[in-house]
Amino acid sequence: MPHASNTVACLGPDSPHAFDNVPLLPRNGSLDAICPVCQGHGQWNAEIDLVSFRCIRTICERCLGAGWIETGSDPIEVNDIEMTPDGHPQWTTRRL
């Protein structure tokens, strides 16, 4: 049975419902400042149903989902997943 819905699209982190049910992330010891794009959330709603709160989220490209950024010149390492040449996912470490 279908449920009632009121789905809205968020065009970015400045949209009114972009951060509904998206928690602030704690500071990682290696990062210095709250991300200026996502304000410490690391992601925002690209689409949200205001009745059921089901959502599709977008990861912040500035902080890569951490919610915090490095302001100095120190390189930091972040875990990531990349695809191998034969199409399998593999953990890797990137330096920013």
C-alpha atoms as a PDB file:
ATOM      1  CA  MET A   1       0.000   0.000   0.000  1.00  0.00           C
ATOM      2  CA  PRO A   2       1.509   3.334  -0.974  1.00  0.00           C
ATOM      3  CA  HIS A   3       2.168   5.840   1.751  1.00  0.00           C
ATOM      4  CA  ALA A   4       1.557   9.561   1.674  1.00  0.00           C
ATOM      5  CA  SER A   5       4.563  11.562   0.588  1.00  0.00           C
ATOM      6  CA  ASN A   6       5.764  15.094   0.126  1.00  0.00           C
ATOM      7  CA  THR A   7       9.080  14.768  -1.675  1.00  0.00           C
ATOM      8  CA  VAL A   8      11.194  17.868  -2.171  1.00  0.00           C
ATOM      9  CA  ALA A   9      14.443  18.252  -4.110  1.00  0.00           C
ATOM     10  CA  CYS A  10      17.320  20.101  -2.481  1.00  0.00           C
ATOM     11  CA  LEU A  11      19.547  21.882  -4.976  1.00  0.00           C
ATOM     12  CA  GLY A  12      22.499  22.111  -2.609  1.00  0.00           C
ATOM     13  CA  PRO A  13      23.484  22.783   0.992  1.00  0.00           C
ATOM     14  CA  ASP A  14      21.683  26.140   0.944  1.00  0.00           C
ATOM     15  CA  SER A  15      18.250  24.557   0.371  1.00  0.00           C
ATOM     16  CA  PRO A  16      15.755  24.750   3.265  1.00  0.00           C
ATOM     17  CA  HIS A  17      15.566  20.984   3.976  1.00  0.00           C
ATOM     18  CA  ALA A  18      19.154  20.087   3.013  1.00  0.00           C
ATOM     19  CA  PHE A  19      20.220  19.194   6.554  1.00  0.00           C
ATOM     20  CA  ASP A  20      16.983  17.684   7.923  1.00  0.00           C
ATOM     21  CA  ASN A  21      17.979  14.548   9.917  1.00  0.00           C
ATOM     22  CA  VAL A  22      21.662  14.943   8.952  1.00  0.00           C
ATOM     23  CA  PRO A  23      23.783  15.031  12.142  1.00  0.00           C
ATOM     24  CA  LEU A  24      26.857  17.180  12.699  1.00  0.00           C
ATOM     25  CA  LEU A  25      30.014  15.098  12.591  1.00  0.00           C
ATOM     26  CA  PRO A  26      32.556  15.117  15.430  1.00  0.00           C
ATOM     27  CA  ARG A  27      35.955  16.632  14.764  1.00  0.00           C
ATOM     28  CA  ASN A  28      38.612  14.219  13.581  1.00  0.00           C
ATOM     29  CA  GLY A  29      41.894  14.924  15.368  1.00  0.00           C
ATOM     30  CA  SER A  30      43.774  15.542  12.129  1.00  0.00           C
ATOM     31  CA  LEU A  31      41.379  18.160  10.730  1.00  0.00           C
ATOM     32  CA  ASP A  32      41.247  21.830  11.724  1.00  0.00           C
ATOM     33  CA  ALA A  33      38.023  23.614  10.768  1.00  0.00           C
ATOM     34  CA  ILE A  34      34.377  22.996   9.979  1.00  0.00           C
ATOM     35  CA  CYS A  35      33.828  22.638   6.236  1.00  0.00           C
ATOM     36  CA  PRO A  36      32.527  25.928   4.794  1.00  0.00           C
ATOM     37  CA  VAL A  37      30.287  24.090   2.301  1.00  0.00           C
ATOM     38  CA  CYS A  38      28.424  21.566   4.487  1.00  0.00           C
ATOM     39  CA  GLN A  39      28.909  23.314   7.874  1.00  0.00           C
ATOM     40  CA  GLY A  40      30.215  20.170   9.557  1.00  0.00           C
ATOM     41  CA  HIS A  41      27.595  17.711   8.306  1.00  0.00           C
ATOM     42  CA  GLY A  42      29.677  16.032   5.575  1.00  0.00           C
ATOM     43  CA  GLN A  43      26.590  15.464   3.433  1.00  0.00           C
ATOM     44  CA  TRP A  44      23.159  16.868   2.731  1.00  0.00           C
ATOM     45  CA  ASN A  45      19.822  15.699   1.389  1.00  0.00           C
ATOM     46  CA  ALA A  46      19.563  15.797  -2.392  1.00  0.00           C
ATOM     47  CA  GLU A  47      15.948  14.675  -2.062  1.00  0.00           C
ATOM     48  CA  ILE A  48      13.832  14.146   1.055  1.00  0.00           C
ATOM     49  CA  ASP A  49      10.295  12.966   1.703  1.00  0.00           C
ATOM     50  CA  LEU A  50       8.959  15.287   4.404  1.00  0.00           C
ATOM     51  CA  VAL A  51       6.404  12.686   5.531  1.00  0.00           C
ATOM     52  CA  SER A  52       8.531   9.542   5.946  1.00  0.00           C
ATOM     53  CA  PHE A  53      11.944  11.321   6.003  1.00  0.00           C
ATOM     54  CA  ARG A  54      13.354   8.867   3.478  1.00  0.00           C
ATOM     55  CA  CYS A  55      16.107  10.639   1.627  1.00  0.00           C
ATOM     56  CA  ILE A  56      18.835  10.524  -0.982  1.00  0.00           C
ATOM     57  CA  ARG A  57      22.030  12.188   0.224  1.00  0.00           C
ATOM     58  CA  THR A  58      24.965  13.860  -1.503  1.00  0.00           C
ATOM     59  CA  ILE A  59      28.475  13.654  -0.044  1.00  0.00           C
ATOM     60  CA  CYS A  60      30.261  17.006   0.252  1.00  0.00           C
ATOM     61  CA  GLU A  61      33.053  17.213  -2.326  1.00  0.00           C
ATOM     62  CA  ARG A  62      34.995  19.829  -0.343  1.00  0.00           C
ATOM     63  CA  CYS A  63      35.540  17.710   2.794  1.00  0.00           C
ATOM     64  CA  LEU A  64      34.850  14.270   1.233  1.00  0.00           C
ATOM     65  CA  GLY A  65      32.162  13.568   3.825  1.00  0.00           C
ATOM     66  CA  ALA A  66      34.282  14.289   6.908  1.00  0.00           C
ATOM     67  CA  GLY A  67      32.528  17.562   7.792  1.00  0.00           C
ATOM     68  CA  TRP A  68      35.920  19.072   8.689  1.00  0.00           C
ATOM     69  CA  ILE A  69      38.854  20.286   6.582  1.00  0.00           C
ATOM     70  CA  GLU A  70      42.607  20.787   6.965  1.00  0.00           C
ATOM     71  CA  THR A  71      43.480  24.488   6.894  1.00  0.00           C
ATOM     72  CA  GLY A  72      47.267  24.127   7.024  1.00  0.00           C
ATOM     73  CA  SER A  73      49.669  22.703   4.496  1.00  0.00           C
ATOM     74  CA  ASP A  74      50.039  19.340   6.247  1.00  0.00           C
ATOM     75  CA  PRO A  75      48.975  16.465   3.992  1.00  0.00           C
ATOM     76  CA  ILE A  76      46.372  14.223   5.587  1.00  0.00           C
ATOM     77  CA  GLU A  77      45.402  10.677   4.704  1.00  0.00           C
ATOM     78  CA  VAL A  78      41.808   9.605   4.153  1.00  0.00           C
ATOM     79  CA  ASN A  79      40.464   6.127   3.517  1.00  0.00           C
ATOM     80  CA  ASP A  80      38.701   5.620   0.219  1.00  0.00           C
ATOM     81  CA  ILE A  81      37.425   2.852  -2.024  1.00  0.00           C
ATOM     82  CA  GLU A  82      38.519   2.598  -5.631  1.00  0.00           C
ATOM     83  CA  MET A  83      37.818   0.113  -8.383  1.00  0.00           C
ATOM     84  CA  THR A  84      40.598  -2.206  -9.520  1.00  0.00           C
ATOM     85  CA  PRO A  85      41.193  -2.664 -13.273  1.00  0.00           C
ATOM     86  CA  ASP A  86      39.170  -5.891 -13.166  1.00  0.00           C
ATOM     87  CA  GLY A  87      36.168  -4.077 -11.605  1.00  0.00           C
ATOM     88  CA  HIS A  88      36.432  -5.057  -7.927  1.00  0.00           C
ATOM     89  CA  PRO A  89      36.301  -2.503  -5.088  1.00  0.00           C
ATOM     90  CA  GLN A  90      39.439  -2.111  -3.004  1.00  0.00           C
ATOM     91  CA  TRP A  91      40.335  -0.024   0.054  1.00  0.00           C
ATOM     92  CA  THR A  92      43.010   2.603  -0.524  1.00  0.00           C
ATOM     93  CA  THR A  93      44.473   5.600   1.281  1.00  0.00           C
ATOM     94  CA  ARG A  94      44.590   9.022  -0.378  1.00  0.00           C
ATOM     95  CA  ARG A  95      46.621  12.023   0.709  1.00  0.00           C
ATOM     96  CA  LEU A  96      44.926  15.403   0.517  1.00  0.00           C
END
